[in-house]
Amino acid sequence: AITNGCNVQFDGINLEQTANKQNSLATDGTGVKYPTVDAVNTKGSVQNYYSGKRVTIPFAGTSSAINGWYGAITYIPIPITSSVAFTDISQEVTTGIAAQNIRLALYTSVNGLPDTLIEDSGNLSAVTNGLKVFSFTSPVTVNAIEKQVYAAIQVSNNSIGLRYALNTVCFNYFNGSGVSGTLFNQVQAFGAFPATATPSVYENANSPLVSLLIQ
């Protein structure tokens, strides 16, 4: 392969050439730098997670409607490519209803399905419009083994309007691209989330746009 001109590298062999090193600070100051990925990216290896930003984020370009998810939990997959810590979970209410609430939670993913409850927000008032935020008791670190985590949402009234995404798309903040995934749901009266999810494939193509904030 080497004789054919391929750029082959072997583990354990140092291929750095002395000729590529710089012994002059004056010359080095004008040279082009090529830092390693680890030196510039501490929040992710592929998706380039950024501290203080959201993996999914409600914004005006997405749909806003009365969605009618009352009487069920909806589980939304959020892709994860490397270990990352999240500090809160949120959902934007676009049509507030008096004396009503939404509830948010985070679940692990096992074999591509929502599985174990990580944390439940309790009731978040949906009386007024705006972003409804629940801060986790402590930052939740999610690793990349399952390649995703599930955000969960339920509402106390199907007249509550939510920001949502079409066609089960999770909008990744870092570049605005969409990653498709399967939505799941389960029938349940509004209240505490179950310790273990019992999901069914959700037929509705629209997904509440739940956000996770990166530490």
N, C-alpha and C. Protein backbone atom coordinates (compact mmCIF):
# COMPACT_ATOMS: atom_id res chain seq x y z
N ALA A 1 0.83 -1.20 0.00
CA ALA A 1 0.00 0.00 0.00
C ALA A 1 0.86 1.25 0.00
N ILE A 2 1.96 1.19 0.76
CA ILE A 2 2.85 2.36 0.81
C ILE A 2 3.46 2.61 -0.55
N THR A 3 3.89 1.57 -1.21
CA THR A 3 4.52 1.74 -2.53
C THR A 3 3.52 2.24 -3.56
N ASN A 4 2.23 2.01 -3.31
CA ASN A 4 1.21 2.50 -4.23
C ASN A 4 0.79 3.92 -3.92
N GLY A 5 1.42 4.52 -2.91
CA GLY A 5 1.15 5.92 -2.61
C GLY A 5 0.03 6.15 -1.62
N CYS A 6 -0.46 5.10 -0.96
CA CYS A 6 -1.54 5.28 0.01
C CYS A 6 -0.99 5.87 1.30
N ASN A 7 -1.79 6.66 1.96
CA ASN A 7 -1.39 7.25 3.24
C ASN A 7 -1.81 6.29 4.34
N VAL A 8 -0.98 5.32 4.65
CA VAL A 8 -1.30 4.30 5.63
C VAL A 8 -0.62 4.64 6.95
N GLN A 9 -1.39 4.54 8.05
CA GLN A 9 -0.80 4.78 9.36
C GLN A 9 -0.98 3.54 10.22
N PHE A 10 0.02 3.26 11.04
CA PHE A 10 -0.01 2.08 11.88
C PHE A 10 0.04 2.49 13.34
N ASP A 11 -0.81 1.88 14.18
CA ASP A 11 -0.81 2.17 15.60
C ASP A 11 0.56 1.88 16.20
N GLY A 12 1.01 2.78 17.04
CA GLY A 12 2.26 2.55 17.75
C GLY A 12 3.49 3.01 17.00
N ILE A 13 3.36 3.50 15.78
CA ILE A 13 4.50 3.98 15.00
C ILE A 13 4.41 5.50 14.89
N ASN A 14 5.44 6.18 15.27
CA ASN A 14 5.47 7.63 15.21
C ASN A 14 5.92 8.05 13.81
N LEU A 15 4.97 8.61 13.05
CA LEU A 15 5.29 8.99 11.67
C LEU A 15 5.68 10.45 11.53
N GLU A 16 5.72 11.18 12.67
CA GLU A 16 6.04 12.61 12.58
C GLU A 16 7.49 12.79 12.14
N GLN A 17 7.70 13.65 11.16
CA GLN A 17 9.02 13.88 10.60
C GLN A 17 9.69 15.09 11.26
N THR A 18 10.98 14.96 11.53
CA THR A 18 11.73 16.08 12.11
C THR A 18 11.64 17.30 11.23
N ALA A 19 11.56 17.08 9.93
CA ALA A 19 11.49 18.21 8.99
C ALA A 19 10.23 19.04 9.18
N ASN A 20 9.22 18.43 9.77
CA ASN A 20 7.98 19.16 9.97
C ASN A 20 7.96 19.97 11.27
N LYS A 21 8.97 19.79 12.11
CA LYS A 21 9.03 20.52 13.37
C LYS A 21 9.60 21.91 13.14
N GLN A 22 9.30 22.83 14.07
CA GLN A 22 9.75 24.21 13.92
C GLN A 22 10.66 24.58 15.09
N ASN A 23 11.83 25.12 14.79
CA ASN A 23 12.76 25.51 15.85
C ASN A 23 12.94 27.01 15.95
N SER A 24 12.08 27.77 15.25
CA SER A 24 12.16 29.23 15.29
C SER A 24 10.81 29.80 15.69
N LEU A 25 10.78 30.51 16.83
CA LEU A 25 9.52 31.12 17.26
C LEU A 25 9.05 32.17 16.27
N ALA A 26 9.98 32.88 15.66
CA ALA A 26 9.60 33.91 14.70
C ALA A 26 8.90 33.30 13.50
N THR A 27 9.47 32.21 12.98
CA THR A 27 8.88 31.54 11.84
C THR A 27 7.56 30.86 12.23
N ASP A 28 7.56 30.25 13.41
CA ASP A 28 6.37 29.54 13.87
C ASP A 28 5.18 30.49 14.03
N GLY A 29 5.46 31.72 14.38
CA GLY A 29 4.37 32.67 14.59
C GLY A 29 3.59 32.98 13.33
N THR A 30 4.18 32.75 12.17
CA THR A 30 3.50 33.04 10.91
C THR A 30 2.97 31.79 10.23
N GLY A 31 3.22 30.64 10.82
CA GLY A 31 2.82 29.38 10.19
C GLY A 31 1.37 29.02 10.46
N VAL A 32 0.82 28.14 9.63
CA VAL A 32 -0.55 27.66 9.80
C VAL A 32 -0.56 26.57 10.87
N LYS A 33 -1.51 26.67 11.81
CA LYS A 33 -1.59 25.71 12.90
C LYS A 33 -2.66 24.66 12.61
N TYR A 34 -2.38 23.42 12.97
CA TYR A 34 -3.33 22.33 12.80
C TYR A 34 -3.53 21.61 14.14
N PRO A 35 -4.36 22.20 15.01
CA PRO A 35 -4.55 21.57 16.33
C PRO A 35 -5.33 20.26 16.21
N THR A 36 -5.16 19.39 17.20
CA THR A 36 -5.91 18.14 17.21
C THR A 36 -7.35 18.41 17.58
N VAL A 37 -8.22 17.45 17.25
CA VAL A 37 -9.64 17.59 17.58
C VAL A 37 -9.82 17.74 19.08
N ASP A 38 -9.09 16.95 19.87
CA ASP A 38 -9.24 17.00 21.32
C ASP A 38 -8.89 18.37 21.88
N ALA A 39 -8.00 19.08 21.20
CA ALA A 39 -7.57 20.37 21.72
C ALA A 39 -8.63 21.44 21.57
N VAL A 40 -9.53 21.28 20.61
CA VAL A 40 -10.51 22.33 20.35
C VAL A 40 -11.94 21.90 20.59
N ASN A 41 -12.17 20.64 20.86
CA ASN A 41 -13.53 20.15 20.98
C ASN A 41 -13.65 19.27 22.22
N THR A 42 -14.19 19.85 23.29
CA THR A 42 -14.28 19.10 24.54
C THR A 42 -15.67 18.59 24.82
N LYS A 43 -16.64 18.87 23.95
CA LYS A 43 -18.02 18.49 24.21
C LYS A 43 -18.54 17.41 23.27
N GLY A 44 -17.76 16.97 22.31
CA GLY A 44 -18.26 15.94 21.41
C GLY A 44 -17.29 15.68 20.29
N SER A 45 -17.33 14.49 19.71
CA SER A 45 -16.37 14.14 18.69
C SER A 45 -16.89 14.34 17.29
N VAL A 46 -18.21 14.26 17.10
CA VAL A 46 -18.77 14.38 15.76
C VAL A 46 -19.74 15.55 15.67
N GLN A 47 -20.66 15.64 16.62
CA GLN A 47 -21.68 16.68 16.53
C GLN A 47 -21.20 18.04 17.01
N ASN A 48 -20.00 18.11 17.59
CA ASN A 48 -19.47 19.38 18.08
C ASN A 48 -20.44 20.05 19.05
N TYR A 49 -20.74 19.37 20.14
CA TYR A 49 -21.61 19.95 21.16
C TYR A 49 -20.93 21.19 21.75
N TYR A 50 -21.72 22.21 22.01
CA TYR A 50 -21.17 23.44 22.55
C TYR A 50 -21.79 23.74 23.90
N SER A 51 -20.93 24.07 24.86
CA SER A 51 -21.38 24.38 26.20
C SER A 51 -22.39 25.52 26.19
N GLY A 52 -23.49 25.34 26.92
CA GLY A 52 -24.49 26.39 27.03
C GLY A 52 -25.48 26.43 25.88
N LYS A 53 -25.37 25.51 24.93
CA LYS A 53 -26.30 25.46 23.80
C LYS A 53 -27.22 24.25 23.94
N ARG A 54 -28.25 24.21 23.13
CA ARG A 54 -29.21 23.11 23.19
C ARG A 54 -29.03 22.15 22.00
N VAL A 55 -29.17 20.87 22.29
CA VAL A 55 -29.13 19.88 21.22
C VAL A 55 -30.34 20.06 20.32
N THR A 56 -31.50 20.30 20.92
CA THR A 56 -32.68 20.69 20.15
C THR A 56 -33.17 22.00 20.73
N ILE A 57 -33.69 22.86 19.91
CA ILE A 57 -34.05 24.18 20.39
C ILE A 57 -35.34 24.67 19.72
N PRO A 58 -36.30 25.19 20.49
CA PRO A 58 -37.50 25.78 19.89
C PRO A 58 -37.13 27.10 19.21
N PHE A 59 -37.56 27.30 17.99
CA PHE A 59 -37.33 28.57 17.34
C PHE A 59 -38.45 28.84 16.34
N ALA A 60 -38.56 30.10 15.92
CA ALA A 60 -39.72 30.56 15.16
C ALA A 60 -39.91 29.84 13.84
N GLY A 61 -38.85 29.25 13.29
CA GLY A 61 -38.97 28.58 12.01
C GLY A 61 -39.71 27.25 12.06
N THR A 62 -39.96 26.73 13.26
CA THR A 62 -40.68 25.47 13.37
C THR A 62 -42.16 25.73 13.65
N SER A 63 -42.95 24.69 13.56
CA SER A 63 -44.39 24.83 13.64
C SER A 63 -44.87 25.12 15.06
N SER A 64 -46.01 25.78 15.14
CA SER A 64 -46.64 26.09 16.41
C SER A 64 -48.12 25.80 16.28
N ALA A 65 -48.66 24.91 17.11
CA ALA A 65 -50.05 24.52 16.94
C ALA A 65 -50.60 23.89 18.21
N ILE A 66 -51.91 23.70 18.24
CA ILE A 66 -52.57 22.92 19.28
C ILE A 66 -52.48 21.47 18.82
N ASN A 67 -51.73 20.67 19.55
CA ASN A 67 -51.33 19.37 19.03
C ASN A 67 -52.15 18.18 19.50
N GLY A 68 -52.76 18.28 20.69
CA GLY A 68 -53.62 17.20 21.13
C GLY A 68 -52.92 15.94 21.57
N TRP A 69 -51.85 16.05 22.37
CA TRP A 69 -51.16 14.87 22.87
C TRP A 69 -51.67 14.46 24.25
N TYR A 70 -52.81 14.97 24.66
CA TYR A 70 -53.35 14.67 25.98
C TYR A 70 -53.63 13.16 26.13
N GLY A 71 -53.38 12.64 27.34
CA GLY A 71 -53.69 11.24 27.62
C GLY A 71 -52.62 10.26 27.23
N ALA A 72 -51.42 10.75 26.93
CA ALA A 72 -50.33 9.86 26.55
C ALA A 72 -48.99 10.53 26.80
N ILE A 73 -47.98 9.72 26.94
CA ILE A 73 -46.60 10.19 26.98
C ILE A 73 -46.02 10.03 25.59
N THR A 74 -45.32 11.05 25.13
CA THR A 74 -44.62 10.95 23.85
C THR A 74 -43.12 10.93 24.13
N TYR A 75 -42.42 9.96 23.54
CA TYR A 75 -40.97 9.83 23.71
C TYR A 75 -40.29 10.28 22.42
N ILE A 76 -39.36 11.22 22.55
CA ILE A 76 -38.69 11.80 21.38
C ILE A 76 -37.21 11.44 21.41
N PRO A 77 -36.69 10.75 20.39
CA PRO A 77 -35.26 10.39 20.38
C PRO A 77 -34.38 11.60 20.10
N ILE A 78 -33.31 11.72 20.85
CA ILE A 78 -32.32 12.77 20.59
C ILE A 78 -30.98 12.09 20.39
N PRO A 79 -30.38 12.22 19.21
CA PRO A 79 -29.13 11.50 18.91
C PRO A 79 -27.96 12.00 19.74
N ILE A 80 -27.12 11.07 20.19
CA ILE A 80 -25.93 11.38 20.98
C ILE A 80 -24.75 10.68 20.30
N THR A 81 -23.67 11.40 20.07
CA THR A 81 -22.52 10.78 19.42
C THR A 81 -21.32 10.64 20.34
N SER A 82 -21.36 11.30 21.49
CA SER A 82 -20.26 11.17 22.45
C SER A 82 -20.79 11.54 23.82
N SER A 83 -20.06 11.19 24.86
CA SER A 83 -20.52 11.50 26.21
C SER A 83 -20.68 13.00 26.39
N VAL A 84 -21.82 13.40 26.92
CA VAL A 84 -22.10 14.82 27.11
C VAL A 84 -23.03 14.97 28.30
N ALA A 85 -22.88 16.08 29.03
CA ALA A 85 -23.70 16.34 30.21
C ALA A 85 -24.77 17.38 29.88
N PHE A 86 -25.99 17.12 30.34
CA PHE A 86 -27.10 18.04 30.15
C PHE A 86 -27.54 18.62 31.49
N THR A 87 -27.93 19.88 31.49
CA THR A 87 -28.30 20.53 32.75
C THR A 87 -29.79 20.80 32.89
N ASP A 88 -30.52 20.87 31.77
CA ASP A 88 -31.96 21.05 31.90
C ASP A 88 -32.70 20.52 30.67
N ILE A 89 -34.00 20.44 30.79
CA ILE A 89 -34.88 19.99 29.71
C ILE A 89 -36.00 21.01 29.60
N SER A 90 -36.45 21.28 28.37
CA SER A 90 -37.46 22.33 28.21
C SER A 90 -38.33 22.10 26.99
N GLN A 91 -39.45 22.79 26.97
CA GLN A 91 -40.39 22.76 25.85
C GLN A 91 -41.07 24.12 25.79
N GLU A 92 -41.25 24.65 24.60
CA GLU A 92 -41.92 25.94 24.44
C GLU A 92 -43.42 25.76 24.31
N VAL A 93 -44.16 26.47 25.15
CA VAL A 93 -45.62 26.52 25.04
C VAL A 93 -45.97 27.73 24.17
N THR A 94 -46.78 27.50 23.14
CA THR A 94 -47.15 28.58 22.23
C THR A 94 -48.61 29.03 22.39
N THR A 95 -49.41 28.20 23.05
CA THR A 95 -50.78 28.58 23.39
C THR A 95 -51.05 28.15 24.83
N GLY A 96 -50.89 29.09 25.77
CA GLY A 96 -51.10 28.79 27.17
C GLY A 96 -52.58 28.66 27.50
N ILE A 97 -52.88 27.79 28.44
CA ILE A 97 -54.26 27.55 28.87
C ILE A 97 -54.31 27.67 30.39
N ALA A 98 -55.30 28.39 30.88
CA ALA A 98 -55.44 28.60 32.32
C ALA A 98 -55.51 27.29 33.08
N ALA A 99 -54.77 27.23 34.20
CA ALA A 99 -54.80 26.11 35.14
C ALA A 99 -54.31 24.79 34.53
N GLN A 100 -53.49 24.85 33.47
CA GLN A 100 -53.00 23.64 32.83
C GLN A 100 -51.48 23.53 32.95
N ASN A 101 -50.96 22.32 32.71
CA ASN A 101 -49.54 22.05 32.90
C ASN A 101 -48.98 21.14 31.80
N ILE A 102 -47.67 21.18 31.67
CA ILE A 102 -46.96 20.15 30.90
C ILE A 102 -46.00 19.47 31.86
N ARG A 103 -45.48 18.33 31.44
CA ARG A 103 -44.54 17.59 32.28
C ARG A 103 -43.47 17.01 31.36
N LEU A 104 -42.20 17.10 31.79
CA LEU A 104 -41.07 16.65 30.97
C LEU A 104 -40.24 15.63 31.73
N ALA A 105 -39.57 14.76 31.00
CA ALA A 105 -38.71 13.76 31.64
C ALA A 105 -37.63 13.32 30.66
N LEU A 106 -36.63 12.65 31.20
CA LEU A 106 -35.54 12.12 30.38
C LEU A 106 -35.43 10.63 30.66
N TYR A 107 -35.31 9.83 29.59
CA TYR A 107 -35.22 8.37 29.70
C TYR A 107 -33.96 7.86 29.00
N THR A 108 -33.44 6.77 29.53
CA THR A 108 -32.34 6.09 28.84
C THR A 108 -32.87 5.41 27.59
N SER A 109 -31.95 5.03 26.71
CA SER A 109 -32.29 4.27 25.52
C SER A 109 -31.61 2.91 25.62
N VAL A 110 -32.39 1.84 25.48
CA VAL A 110 -31.84 0.49 25.49
C VAL A 110 -32.35 -0.24 24.25
N ASN A 111 -31.42 -0.68 23.42
CA ASN A 111 -31.77 -1.35 22.16
C ASN A 111 -32.71 -0.50 21.30
N GLY A 112 -32.48 0.81 21.34
CA GLY A 112 -33.25 1.72 20.50
C GLY A 112 -34.63 2.09 21.02
N LEU A 113 -34.95 1.69 22.27
CA LEU A 113 -36.26 1.99 22.85
C LEU A 113 -36.09 2.80 24.13
N PRO A 114 -37.04 3.70 24.42
CA PRO A 114 -37.00 4.39 25.72
C PRO A 114 -37.15 3.37 26.84
N ASP A 115 -36.35 3.53 27.89
CA ASP A 115 -36.33 2.48 28.91
C ASP A 115 -36.50 3.03 30.33
N THR A 116 -35.44 3.49 30.97
CA THR A 116 -35.47 3.84 32.39
C THR A 116 -35.56 5.35 32.60
N LEU A 117 -36.46 5.75 33.49
CA LEU A 117 -36.61 7.17 33.82
C LEU A 117 -35.35 7.69 34.50
N ILE A 118 -34.81 8.79 34.00
CA ILE A 118 -33.66 9.44 34.62
C ILE A 118 -34.14 10.52 35.59
N GLU A 119 -35.03 11.39 35.12
CA GLU A 119 -35.58 12.41 36.02
C GLU A 119 -36.89 12.96 35.46
N ASP A 120 -37.80 13.29 36.37
CA ASP A 120 -39.14 13.79 36.06
C ASP A 120 -39.23 15.23 36.54
N SER A 121 -39.76 16.11 35.69
CA SER A 121 -39.82 17.53 36.04
C SER A 121 -40.89 17.88 37.06
N GLY A 122 -41.90 17.02 37.20
CA GLY A 122 -43.08 17.45 37.92
C GLY A 122 -43.86 18.41 37.03
N ASN A 123 -44.92 19.00 37.55
CA ASN A 123 -45.76 19.89 36.74
C ASN A 123 -45.06 21.21 36.44
N LEU A 124 -45.09 21.61 35.18
CA LEU A 124 -44.61 22.91 34.75
C LEU A 124 -45.80 23.69 34.22
N SER A 125 -46.06 24.85 34.77
CA SER A 125 -47.25 25.62 34.41
C SER A 125 -47.29 25.95 32.92
N ALA A 126 -48.43 25.68 32.30
CA ALA A 126 -48.63 26.01 30.89
C ALA A 126 -49.67 27.13 30.75
N VAL A 127 -49.79 27.96 31.77
CA VAL A 127 -50.77 29.05 31.76
C VAL A 127 -50.34 30.13 30.77
N THR A 128 -49.05 30.43 30.74
CA THR A 128 -48.54 31.47 29.85
C THR A 128 -47.67 30.87 28.75
N ASN A 129 -47.50 31.64 27.68
CA ASN A 129 -46.63 31.20 26.60
C ASN A 129 -45.16 31.34 27.00
N GLY A 130 -44.29 30.59 26.34
CA GLY A 130 -42.87 30.72 26.57
C GLY A 130 -42.20 29.39 26.83
N LEU A 131 -40.89 29.43 27.01
CA LEU A 131 -40.10 28.23 27.24
C LEU A 131 -40.28 27.77 28.69
N LYS A 132 -40.69 26.53 28.85
CA LYS A 132 -40.87 25.95 30.18
C LYS A 132 -39.66 25.06 30.47
N VAL A 133 -38.93 25.40 31.53
CA VAL A 133 -37.63 24.79 31.78
C VAL A 133 -37.62 24.06 33.12
N PHE A 134 -37.04 22.87 33.11
CA PHE A 134 -36.78 22.13 34.34
C PHE A 134 -35.29 21.83 34.41
N SER A 135 -34.64 22.30 35.49
CA SER A 135 -33.22 22.04 35.69
C SER A 135 -33.05 20.72 36.45
N PHE A 136 -32.21 19.84 35.91
CA PHE A 136 -31.98 18.57 36.57
C PHE A 136 -31.36 18.78 37.95
N THR A 137 -31.61 17.86 38.85
CA THR A 137 -31.06 17.96 40.20
C THR A 137 -29.55 18.11 40.16
N SER A 138 -28.92 17.36 39.28
CA SER A 138 -27.49 17.52 38.98
C SER A 138 -27.32 17.20 37.51
N PRO A 139 -26.25 17.70 36.87
CA PRO A 139 -26.08 17.44 35.44
C PRO A 139 -26.18 15.96 35.11
N VAL A 140 -26.88 15.65 34.04
CA VAL A 140 -27.08 14.27 33.62
C VAL A 140 -26.09 13.96 32.49
N THR A 141 -25.18 13.05 32.75
CA THR A 141 -24.20 12.68 31.73
C THR A 141 -24.71 11.47 30.96
N VAL A 142 -24.75 11.60 29.66
CA VAL A 142 -25.22 10.53 28.78
C VAL A 142 -24.05 10.09 27.91
N ASN A 143 -23.80 8.79 27.86
CA ASN A 143 -22.72 8.32 27.00
C ASN A 143 -23.26 7.92 25.63
N ALA A 144 -22.36 7.57 24.75
CA ALA A 144 -22.74 7.34 23.35
C ALA A 144 -23.01 5.88 23.04
N ILE A 145 -23.09 5.02 24.04
CA ILE A 145 -23.25 3.59 23.78
C ILE A 145 -24.52 3.30 22.98
N GLU A 146 -25.64 3.91 23.40
CA GLU A 146 -26.90 3.67 22.71
C GLU A 146 -27.16 4.66 21.58
N LYS A 147 -26.31 5.65 21.43
CA LYS A 147 -26.39 6.62 20.33
C LYS A 147 -27.58 7.57 20.43
N GLN A 148 -28.37 7.48 21.50
CA GLN A 148 -29.47 8.42 21.66
C GLN A 148 -29.97 8.38 23.09
N VAL A 149 -30.74 9.40 23.43
CA VAL A 149 -31.43 9.47 24.70
C VAL A 149 -32.86 9.89 24.36
N TYR A 150 -33.81 9.60 25.23
CA TYR A 150 -35.20 9.95 24.94
C TYR A 150 -35.71 11.04 25.87
N ALA A 151 -36.17 12.14 25.27
CA ALA A 151 -36.91 13.15 26.02
C ALA A 151 -38.37 12.74 25.99
N ALA A 152 -39.09 13.00 27.08
CA ALA A 152 -40.50 12.61 27.16
C ALA A 152 -41.34 13.80 27.58
N ILE A 153 -42.56 13.84 27.08
CA ILE A 153 -43.45 14.96 27.39
C ILE A 153 -44.88 14.46 27.50
N GLN A 154 -45.64 15.10 28.38
CA GLN A 154 -47.08 14.89 28.44
C GLN A 154 -47.74 16.22 28.80
N VAL A 155 -49.00 16.36 28.44
CA VAL A 155 -49.74 17.60 28.68
C VAL A 155 -51.05 17.29 29.39
N SER A 156 -51.53 18.27 30.16
CA SER A 156 -52.76 18.06 30.93
C SER A 156 -54.02 18.42 30.15
N ASN A 157 -53.83 19.01 28.96
CA ASN A 157 -54.99 19.43 28.17
C ASN A 157 -54.57 19.48 26.71
N ASN A 158 -55.39 18.92 25.81
CA ASN A 158 -54.99 18.87 24.40
C ASN A 158 -55.15 20.21 23.68
N SER A 159 -55.57 21.24 24.41
CA SER A 159 -55.64 22.57 23.81
C SER A 159 -54.36 23.37 24.02
N ILE A 160 -53.42 22.81 24.78
CA ILE A 160 -52.14 23.49 24.97
C ILE A 160 -51.36 23.45 23.66
N GLY A 161 -50.94 24.61 23.19
CA GLY A 161 -50.15 24.67 21.95
C GLY A 161 -48.67 24.53 22.26
N LEU A 162 -47.98 23.71 21.48
CA LEU A 162 -46.56 23.48 21.67
C LEU A 162 -45.78 23.74 20.40
N ARG A 163 -44.53 24.16 20.57
CA ARG A 163 -43.63 24.21 19.41
C ARG A 163 -43.31 22.77 19.04
N TYR A 164 -43.38 22.45 17.76
CA TYR A 164 -43.13 21.06 17.38
C TYR A 164 -42.41 20.97 16.04
N ALA A 165 -41.89 19.80 15.76
CA ALA A 165 -41.16 19.55 14.51
C ALA A 165 -41.94 18.57 13.67
N LEU A 166 -41.88 18.73 12.37
CA LEU A 166 -42.58 17.85 11.45
C LEU A 166 -41.78 16.59 11.18
N ASN A 167 -42.48 15.50 10.93
CA ASN A 167 -41.87 14.26 10.46
C ASN A 167 -40.80 13.70 11.39
N THR A 168 -41.07 13.75 12.69
CA THR A 168 -40.19 13.19 13.73
C THR A 168 -38.74 13.62 13.57
N VAL A 169 -38.53 14.89 13.27
CA VAL A 169 -37.18 15.39 13.08
C VAL A 169 -36.71 16.09 14.35
N CYS A 170 -35.52 15.73 14.81
CA CYS A 170 -34.87 16.44 15.90
C CYS A 170 -33.90 17.44 15.27
N PHE A 171 -34.09 18.72 15.55
CA PHE A 171 -33.21 19.72 14.97
C PHE A 171 -31.98 19.90 15.85
N ASN A 172 -30.82 19.62 15.29
CA ASN A 172 -29.58 19.74 16.04
C ASN A 172 -29.08 21.18 15.97
N TYR A 173 -28.85 21.78 17.12
CA TYR A 173 -28.50 23.20 17.16
C TYR A 173 -27.21 23.51 16.42
N PHE A 174 -26.24 22.60 16.49
CA PHE A 174 -24.90 22.92 15.99
C PHE A 174 -24.86 23.26 14.52
N ASN A 175 -25.77 22.69 13.70
CA ASN A 175 -25.75 23.05 12.29
C ASN A 175 -27.14 23.16 11.68
N GLY A 176 -28.18 22.98 12.51
CA GLY A 176 -29.54 23.14 12.00
C GLY A 176 -30.05 21.96 11.20
N SER A 177 -29.26 20.89 11.09
CA SER A 177 -29.72 19.75 10.29
C SER A 177 -30.69 18.89 11.08
N GLY A 178 -31.45 18.09 10.38
CA GLY A 178 -32.42 17.21 11.04
C GLY A 178 -31.95 15.78 11.07
N VAL A 179 -32.20 15.11 12.17
CA VAL A 179 -31.89 13.68 12.28
C VAL A 179 -33.19 12.95 12.56
N SER A 180 -33.58 12.06 11.69
CA SER A 180 -34.84 11.36 11.85
C SER A 180 -34.72 10.22 12.85
N GLY A 181 -35.78 9.98 13.59
CA GLY A 181 -35.80 8.88 14.53
C GLY A 181 -37.23 8.45 14.77
N THR A 182 -37.40 7.29 15.39
CA THR A 182 -38.74 6.79 15.62
C THR A 182 -39.31 7.35 16.91
N LEU A 183 -40.50 7.91 16.82
CA LEU A 183 -41.22 8.36 18.01
C LEU A 183 -41.93 7.18 18.66
N PHE A 184 -42.04 7.24 19.98
CA PHE A 184 -42.81 6.24 20.71
C PHE A 184 -43.78 6.95 21.64
N ASN A 185 -44.82 6.24 22.03
CA ASN A 185 -45.73 6.80 23.03
C ASN A 185 -46.33 5.67 23.85
N GLN A 186 -47.01 6.05 24.93
CA GLN A 186 -47.79 5.09 25.70
C GLN A 186 -48.94 5.83 26.36
N VAL A 187 -50.06 5.17 26.45
CA VAL A 187 -51.26 5.77 27.02
C VAL A 187 -51.07 5.92 28.52
N GLN A 188 -51.34 7.11 29.02
CA GLN A 188 -51.29 7.36 30.46
C GLN A 188 -51.97 8.67 30.78
N ALA A 189 -52.77 8.70 31.85
CA ALA A 189 -53.34 9.93 32.34
C ALA A 189 -52.22 10.85 32.80
N PHE A 190 -52.43 12.15 32.71
CA PHE A 190 -51.41 13.12 33.08
C PHE A 190 -50.99 12.91 34.53
N GLY A 191 -49.69 12.82 34.75
CA GLY A 191 -49.17 12.60 36.10
C GLY A 191 -47.74 12.13 36.07
N ALA A 192 -47.26 11.58 37.18
CA ALA A 192 -45.87 11.16 37.29
C ALA A 192 -45.50 10.17 36.19
N PHE A 193 -44.30 10.32 35.66
CA PHE A 193 -43.81 9.41 34.62
C PHE A 193 -43.50 8.04 35.25
N PRO A 194 -43.71 6.97 34.51
CA PRO A 194 -43.38 5.64 35.03
C PRO A 194 -41.87 5.45 35.13
N ALA A 195 -41.46 4.61 36.08
CA ALA A 195 -40.03 4.34 36.26
C ALA A 195 -39.43 3.65 35.05
N THR A 196 -40.23 2.84 34.37
CA THR A 196 -39.78 2.15 33.16
C THR A 196 -40.79 2.38 32.05
N ALA A 197 -40.31 2.78 30.90
CA ALA A 197 -41.20 3.05 29.76
C ALA A 197 -41.73 1.74 29.19
N THR A 198 -42.97 1.77 28.71
CA THR A 198 -43.56 0.65 27.96
C THR A 198 -44.07 1.21 26.64
N PRO A 199 -43.17 1.49 25.73
CA PRO A 199 -43.51 2.26 24.54
C PRO A 199 -44.16 1.46 23.42
N SER A 200 -44.94 2.17 22.63
CA SER A 200 -45.45 1.67 21.36
C SER A 200 -45.02 2.65 20.28
N VAL A 201 -44.89 2.18 19.05
CA VAL A 201 -44.52 3.06 17.96
C VAL A 201 -45.62 4.09 17.77
N TYR A 202 -45.23 5.34 17.67
CA TYR A 202 -46.18 6.45 17.56
C TYR A 202 -46.45 6.73 16.10
N GLU A 203 -47.71 6.71 15.70
CA GLU A 203 -48.06 6.84 14.29
C GLU A 203 -48.03 8.29 13.80
N ASN A 204 -48.23 9.25 14.72
CA ASN A 204 -48.24 10.65 14.32
C ASN A 204 -46.84 11.06 13.89
N ALA A 205 -46.74 11.77 12.79
CA ALA A 205 -45.43 12.14 12.26
C ALA A 205 -44.84 13.37 12.93
N ASN A 206 -45.64 14.10 13.71
CA ASN A 206 -45.16 15.33 14.33
C ASN A 206 -44.59 15.07 15.72
N SER A 207 -43.57 15.83 16.08
CA SER A 207 -42.87 15.61 17.35
C SER A 207 -42.77 16.90 18.15
N PRO A 208 -43.16 16.87 19.45
CA PRO A 208 -42.92 18.04 20.30
C PRO A 208 -41.42 18.34 20.30
N LEU A 209 -41.07 19.60 20.23
CA LEU A 209 -39.67 19.98 20.10
C LEU A 209 -39.07 20.21 21.48
N VAL A 210 -38.77 19.11 22.18
CA VAL A 210 -38.19 19.18 23.52
C VAL A 210 -36.69 19.46 23.42
N SER A 211 -36.19 20.33 24.30
CA SER A 211 -34.78 20.73 24.26
C SER A 211 -33.99 20.20 25.44
N LEU A 212 -32.71 19.92 25.23
CA LEU A 212 -31.79 19.59 26.29
C LEU A 212 -30.65 20.61 26.26
N LEU A 213 -30.34 21.17 27.41
CA LEU A 213 -29.27 22.17 27.49
C LEU A 213 -27.96 21.50 27.87
N ILE A 214 -26.90 21.78 27.12
CA ILE A 214 -25.59 21.18 27.35
C ILE A 214 -24.85 21.96 28.43
N GLN A 215 -24.22 21.22 29.32
CA GLN A 215 -23.50 21.84 30.43
C GLN A 215 -22.40 22.75 29.92
